[in-house]
Every structure is written in structure tokens, then in C-alpha cells.
Amino acid sequence: MPNDQGRYAKAEVVASGLPYYIPSSSRWTSRPYPYAILLSKTRCEQYNVPTEEGEQPAAFLYAANAGRGTDDLRHRYVPLYDRTRELQDRADVRLIPRELMRSTD
């Protein structure tokens, strides 16, 4: 169950079986998607493809600084939502590397 800010704990992420991105190693933990655009809720709103009520994450992003200055240092994983279909052909989309999952196989 996410905390008040919408972040998840590692045990929840691992139990979900979904991939997660670790910025310090610049890698995804697994690659179930041959190609995917995975955005945080804020980035979804920025590109005018907001998340739906009750929409489940497709992946997660580890945020090492999440929860700093609070008593909650467990919930450090930000949910990411699949926006591949909506954004793959849009010229105005500028993705950062962690927002794109590509199979290297």
C-alpha cells in the first residue's frame, strides 16, 4: 500500500513482480516490455495524459532521497505508468533515459 505521497516500500515493489529502475546503476531490474514509455504521475500530467483513478503502476523508480527529513525512509519507490501508446509518435515528447525501457535482446 503506498504512503500518503504515493510512494511504495521495496517489499511491495518486489512482491508486485514489476520492474524498477535504479538511477545509481542506470538499469532496470528486468525487461518484460520490448519497448515502453514509463512516466511518473507528474510527468503524465505534464504531457496531458494523466493517470486514471485506480490506475495501477506498470513499473517503479527508486528515489534514494525520497522521505528525507521525515520519519518514513521505507517508501522510496515512485510508481510509473505506461504511456507508450499515447506518446510514442508525439514529436513534443522529450524523455529522459530512465523513462524509456527498451529490450536489448
N, C-alpha and C. Protein backbone atom coordinates (compact mmCIF):
# COMPACT_ATOMS: atom_id res chain seq x y z
N MET A 1 0.85 -1.18 0.00
CA MET A 1 0.00 0.00 0.00
C MET A 1 0.89 1.24 0.00
N PRO A 2 0.67 2.14 -0.94
CA PRO A 2 1.52 3.33 -0.97
C PRO A 2 1.29 4.23 0.25
N ASN A 3 2.29 5.05 0.54
CA ASN A 3 2.14 6.01 1.64
C ASN A 3 1.33 7.22 1.17
N ASP A 4 1.24 8.24 2.02
CA ASP A 4 0.44 9.43 1.69
C ASP A 4 0.93 10.17 0.44
N GLN A 5 2.22 10.06 0.14
CA GLN A 5 2.77 10.71 -1.05
C GLN A 5 2.69 9.82 -2.28
N GLY A 6 2.18 8.60 -2.13
CA GLY A 6 2.02 7.70 -3.26
C GLY A 6 3.22 6.82 -3.54
N ARG A 7 4.22 6.85 -2.67
CA ARG A 7 5.41 6.02 -2.86
C ARG A 7 5.22 4.66 -2.21
N TYR A 8 5.97 3.68 -2.72
CA TYR A 8 5.88 2.30 -2.25
C TYR A 8 7.16 1.89 -1.54
N ALA A 9 7.05 0.88 -0.67
CA ALA A 9 8.20 0.28 0.00
C ALA A 9 8.79 -0.81 -0.89
N LYS A 10 10.06 -1.14 -0.70
CA LYS A 10 10.73 -2.13 -1.54
C LYS A 10 10.02 -3.48 -1.51
N ALA A 11 9.57 -3.93 -0.36
CA ALA A 11 8.88 -5.22 -0.27
C ALA A 11 7.64 -5.24 -1.16
N GLU A 12 6.93 -4.14 -1.23
CA GLU A 12 5.73 -4.05 -2.07
C GLU A 12 6.10 -4.10 -3.56
N VAL A 13 7.18 -3.43 -3.90
CA VAL A 13 7.64 -3.41 -5.29
C VAL A 13 8.09 -4.80 -5.72
N VAL A 14 8.88 -5.45 -4.89
CA VAL A 14 9.36 -6.79 -5.21
C VAL A 14 8.18 -7.76 -5.32
N ALA A 15 7.23 -7.67 -4.40
CA ALA A 15 6.06 -8.55 -4.43
C ALA A 15 5.21 -8.33 -5.68
N SER A 16 5.22 -7.13 -6.23
CA SER A 16 4.42 -6.83 -7.42
C SER A 16 4.93 -7.56 -8.65
N GLY A 17 6.23 -7.88 -8.67
CA GLY A 17 6.83 -8.52 -9.83
C GLY A 17 7.11 -7.58 -10.99
N LEU A 18 6.84 -6.29 -10.79
CA LEU A 18 7.06 -5.30 -11.83
C LEU A 18 8.51 -4.83 -11.81
N PRO A 19 9.02 -4.37 -12.95
CA PRO A 19 10.40 -3.87 -12.99
C PRO A 19 10.53 -2.55 -12.25
N TYR A 20 11.75 -2.27 -11.82
CA TYR A 20 12.03 -0.95 -11.24
C TYR A 20 13.39 -0.49 -11.72
N TYR A 21 13.52 0.83 -11.81
CA TYR A 21 14.73 1.46 -12.31
C TYR A 21 15.55 1.97 -11.14
N ILE A 22 16.85 1.69 -11.19
CA ILE A 22 17.77 2.14 -10.15
C ILE A 22 18.72 3.16 -10.78
N PRO A 23 18.51 4.46 -10.51
CA PRO A 23 19.31 5.50 -11.14
C PRO A 23 20.82 5.37 -10.93
N SER A 24 21.24 4.95 -9.76
CA SER A 24 22.69 4.88 -9.50
C SER A 24 23.39 3.87 -10.40
N SER A 25 22.66 2.87 -10.89
CA SER A 25 23.27 1.89 -11.78
C SER A 25 22.79 2.06 -13.22
N SER A 26 21.88 3.00 -13.43
CA SER A 26 21.31 3.27 -14.76
C SER A 26 20.76 2.00 -15.41
N ARG A 27 20.02 1.21 -14.62
CA ARG A 27 19.48 -0.03 -15.19
C ARG A 27 18.12 -0.36 -14.62
N TRP A 28 17.39 -1.15 -15.40
CA TRP A 28 16.12 -1.72 -14.98
C TRP A 28 16.39 -3.08 -14.37
N THR A 29 15.59 -3.48 -13.40
CA THR A 29 15.80 -4.79 -12.77
C THR A 29 15.39 -5.93 -13.68
N SER A 30 14.43 -5.70 -14.58
CA SER A 30 14.02 -6.71 -15.54
C SER A 30 13.40 -6.01 -16.74
N ARG A 31 13.24 -6.72 -17.82
CA ARG A 31 12.75 -6.11 -19.05
C ARG A 31 11.56 -6.89 -19.63
N PRO A 32 10.41 -6.80 -19.01
CA PRO A 32 9.29 -7.54 -19.58
C PRO A 32 8.68 -6.85 -20.80
N TYR A 33 9.01 -5.59 -20.99
CA TYR A 33 8.45 -4.85 -22.12
C TYR A 33 9.51 -4.70 -23.20
N PRO A 34 9.20 -5.03 -24.47
CA PRO A 34 10.19 -4.82 -25.52
C PRO A 34 10.49 -3.34 -25.73
N TYR A 35 9.47 -2.50 -25.46
CA TYR A 35 9.62 -1.05 -25.57
C TYR A 35 8.51 -0.43 -24.74
N ALA A 36 8.85 0.50 -23.88
CA ALA A 36 7.82 1.14 -23.07
C ALA A 36 8.26 2.54 -22.65
N ILE A 37 7.29 3.44 -22.63
CA ILE A 37 7.49 4.78 -22.08
C ILE A 37 6.80 4.76 -20.72
N LEU A 38 7.58 4.91 -19.67
CA LEU A 38 7.09 4.79 -18.30
C LEU A 38 7.31 6.10 -17.56
N LEU A 39 6.22 6.75 -17.19
CA LEU A 39 6.30 8.08 -16.60
C LEU A 39 5.69 8.13 -15.20
N SER A 40 6.22 9.05 -14.39
CA SER A 40 5.63 9.31 -13.08
C SER A 40 4.30 10.05 -13.27
N LYS A 41 3.54 10.13 -12.23
CA LYS A 41 2.25 10.84 -12.30
C LYS A 41 2.44 12.29 -12.74
N THR A 42 3.47 12.95 -12.23
CA THR A 42 3.74 14.35 -12.58
C THR A 42 4.08 14.49 -14.05
N ARG A 43 4.90 13.59 -14.56
CA ARG A 43 5.26 13.65 -15.99
C ARG A 43 4.06 13.31 -16.88
N CYS A 44 3.19 12.41 -16.43
CA CYS A 44 1.96 12.12 -17.18
C CYS A 44 1.13 13.38 -17.32
N GLU A 45 1.01 14.12 -16.24
CA GLU A 45 0.24 15.37 -16.26
C GLU A 45 0.91 16.40 -17.17
N GLN A 46 2.24 16.46 -17.13
CA GLN A 46 2.99 17.41 -17.96
C GLN A 46 2.69 17.19 -19.45
N TYR A 47 2.54 15.92 -19.86
CA TYR A 47 2.26 15.60 -21.27
C TYR A 47 0.77 15.43 -21.55
N ASN A 48 -0.06 15.85 -20.62
CA ASN A 48 -1.51 15.84 -20.78
C ASN A 48 -2.07 14.43 -21.03
N VAL A 49 -1.50 13.45 -20.35
CA VAL A 49 -2.01 12.08 -20.36
C VAL A 49 -2.08 11.61 -18.89
N PRO A 50 -2.95 12.25 -18.11
CA PRO A 50 -2.98 11.99 -16.66
C PRO A 50 -3.38 10.56 -16.33
N THR A 51 -3.03 10.15 -15.12
CA THR A 51 -3.40 8.82 -14.64
C THR A 51 -4.89 8.80 -14.31
N GLU A 52 -5.47 7.64 -14.47
CA GLU A 52 -6.89 7.44 -14.15
C GLU A 52 -7.03 7.06 -12.68
N GLU A 53 -8.16 7.35 -12.09
CA GLU A 53 -8.45 6.94 -10.71
C GLU A 53 -8.32 5.42 -10.62
N GLY A 54 -7.50 4.94 -9.72
CA GLY A 54 -7.32 3.50 -9.52
C GLY A 54 -6.37 2.83 -10.49
N GLU A 55 -5.75 3.60 -11.38
CA GLU A 55 -4.81 3.02 -12.34
C GLU A 55 -3.60 2.45 -11.59
N GLN A 56 -3.21 1.26 -11.98
CA GLN A 56 -2.09 0.59 -11.32
C GLN A 56 -0.78 0.89 -12.05
N PRO A 57 0.33 0.96 -11.31
CA PRO A 57 1.63 1.22 -11.93
C PRO A 57 2.05 0.07 -12.85
N ALA A 58 2.90 0.41 -13.82
CA ALA A 58 3.48 -0.59 -14.72
C ALA A 58 4.92 -0.88 -14.34
N ALA A 59 5.53 0.00 -13.54
CA ALA A 59 6.91 -0.14 -13.10
C ALA A 59 7.14 0.86 -11.96
N PHE A 60 8.38 0.90 -11.47
CA PHE A 60 8.71 1.80 -10.36
C PHE A 60 10.09 2.42 -10.58
N LEU A 61 10.31 3.54 -9.93
CA LEU A 61 11.59 4.24 -9.95
C LEU A 61 12.08 4.37 -8.51
N TYR A 62 13.30 3.91 -8.26
CA TYR A 62 13.88 4.06 -6.93
C TYR A 62 14.34 5.51 -6.76
N ALA A 63 13.88 6.16 -5.70
CA ALA A 63 14.26 7.54 -5.40
C ALA A 63 14.99 7.56 -4.07
N ALA A 64 16.31 7.59 -4.11
CA ALA A 64 17.13 7.49 -2.91
C ALA A 64 16.83 8.58 -1.89
N ASN A 65 16.46 9.76 -2.34
CA ASN A 65 16.21 10.87 -1.42
C ASN A 65 14.77 10.96 -0.93
N ALA A 66 13.92 10.09 -1.40
CA ALA A 66 12.50 10.13 -1.00
C ALA A 66 12.38 9.90 0.50
N GLY A 67 11.62 10.73 1.13
CA GLY A 67 11.39 10.59 2.57
C GLY A 67 12.43 11.25 3.45
N ARG A 68 13.46 11.84 2.87
CA ARG A 68 14.48 12.53 3.68
C ARG A 68 13.82 13.64 4.47
N GLY A 69 14.22 13.78 5.71
CA GLY A 69 13.66 14.82 6.56
C GLY A 69 12.35 14.41 7.20
N THR A 70 11.95 13.15 7.01
CA THR A 70 10.72 12.64 7.62
C THR A 70 11.05 11.35 8.38
N ASP A 71 10.05 10.79 9.01
CA ASP A 71 10.23 9.51 9.70
C ASP A 71 10.06 8.32 8.76
N ASP A 72 9.66 8.56 7.52
CA ASP A 72 9.38 7.48 6.57
C ASP A 72 10.48 7.35 5.54
N LEU A 73 11.43 6.48 5.82
CA LEU A 73 12.51 6.21 4.86
C LEU A 73 12.31 4.87 4.16
N ARG A 74 11.19 4.23 4.37
CA ARG A 74 10.91 2.94 3.74
C ARG A 74 10.30 3.11 2.34
N HIS A 75 9.47 4.09 2.17
CA HIS A 75 8.74 4.26 0.92
C HIS A 75 9.55 5.13 -0.05
N ARG A 76 10.39 4.47 -0.83
CA ARG A 76 11.30 5.20 -1.73
C ARG A 76 11.10 4.86 -3.20
N TYR A 77 10.02 4.20 -3.53
CA TYR A 77 9.78 3.79 -4.91
C TYR A 77 8.57 4.55 -5.47
N VAL A 78 8.81 5.29 -6.54
CA VAL A 78 7.79 6.10 -7.18
C VAL A 78 7.13 5.25 -8.28
N PRO A 79 5.80 5.20 -8.31
CA PRO A 79 5.12 4.43 -9.35
C PRO A 79 5.26 5.10 -10.72
N LEU A 80 5.41 4.27 -11.74
CA LEU A 80 5.49 4.74 -13.12
C LEU A 80 4.33 4.13 -13.91
N TYR A 81 3.83 4.88 -14.86
CA TYR A 81 2.66 4.47 -15.63
C TYR A 81 3.01 4.38 -17.11
N ASP A 82 2.52 3.35 -17.75
CA ASP A 82 2.82 3.10 -19.16
C ASP A 82 2.05 4.09 -20.04
N ARG A 83 2.79 4.88 -20.78
CA ARG A 83 2.20 5.85 -21.70
C ARG A 83 2.75 5.65 -23.12
N THR A 84 3.16 4.44 -23.42
CA THR A 84 3.74 4.13 -24.73
C THR A 84 2.77 4.46 -25.86
N ARG A 85 1.57 3.95 -25.79
CA ARG A 85 0.59 4.14 -26.85
C ARG A 85 0.30 5.62 -27.08
N GLU A 86 0.18 6.37 -26.00
CA GLU A 86 -0.20 7.77 -26.11
C GLU A 86 0.93 8.69 -26.59
N LEU A 87 2.18 8.31 -26.30
CA LEU A 87 3.28 9.25 -26.54
C LEU A 87 4.30 8.82 -27.60
N GLN A 88 4.28 7.59 -28.06
CA GLN A 88 5.36 7.13 -28.92
C GLN A 88 5.50 7.89 -30.24
N ASP A 89 4.44 8.48 -30.74
CA ASP A 89 4.51 9.20 -32.01
C ASP A 89 4.45 10.72 -31.87
N ARG A 90 4.53 11.22 -30.65
CA ARG A 90 4.46 12.66 -30.44
C ARG A 90 5.84 13.29 -30.52
N ALA A 91 5.97 14.30 -31.36
CA ALA A 91 7.25 14.97 -31.57
C ALA A 91 7.65 15.86 -30.40
N ASP A 92 6.68 16.29 -29.58
CA ASP A 92 6.98 17.22 -28.48
C ASP A 92 7.47 16.51 -27.22
N VAL A 93 7.58 15.21 -27.23
CA VAL A 93 7.97 14.45 -26.04
C VAL A 93 9.49 14.36 -25.95
N ARG A 94 10.02 14.81 -24.83
CA ARG A 94 11.46 14.74 -24.56
C ARG A 94 11.66 13.86 -23.33
N LEU A 95 12.04 12.63 -23.56
CA LEU A 95 12.19 11.67 -22.47
C LEU A 95 13.60 11.69 -21.92
N ILE A 96 13.69 11.39 -20.64
CA ILE A 96 15.00 11.18 -20.02
C ILE A 96 15.24 9.67 -20.03
N PRO A 97 16.47 9.21 -20.00
CA PRO A 97 16.76 7.79 -20.17
C PRO A 97 15.95 6.84 -19.28
N ARG A 98 15.71 7.21 -18.05
CA ARG A 98 15.00 6.30 -17.15
C ARG A 98 13.52 6.15 -17.48
N GLU A 99 13.01 7.00 -18.36
CA GLU A 99 11.59 6.93 -18.73
C GLU A 99 11.36 5.98 -19.92
N LEU A 100 12.41 5.44 -20.46
CA LEU A 100 12.30 4.58 -21.62
C LEU A 100 12.89 3.21 -21.32
N MET A 101 12.09 2.19 -21.49
CA MET A 101 12.57 0.82 -21.31
C MET A 101 12.60 0.17 -22.68
N ARG A 102 13.78 -0.30 -23.08
CA ARG A 102 13.95 -1.00 -24.35
C ARG A 102 14.63 -2.31 -24.12
N SER A 103 14.16 -3.32 -24.79
CA SER A 103 14.82 -4.61 -24.72
C SER A 103 16.08 -4.56 -25.55
N THR A 104 17.18 -5.04 -25.01
CA THR A 104 18.44 -5.06 -25.76
C THR A 104 18.70 -6.42 -26.37
N ASP A 105 17.72 -7.30 -26.25
CA ASP A 105 17.88 -8.65 -26.83
C ASP A 105 17.76 -8.63 -28.33
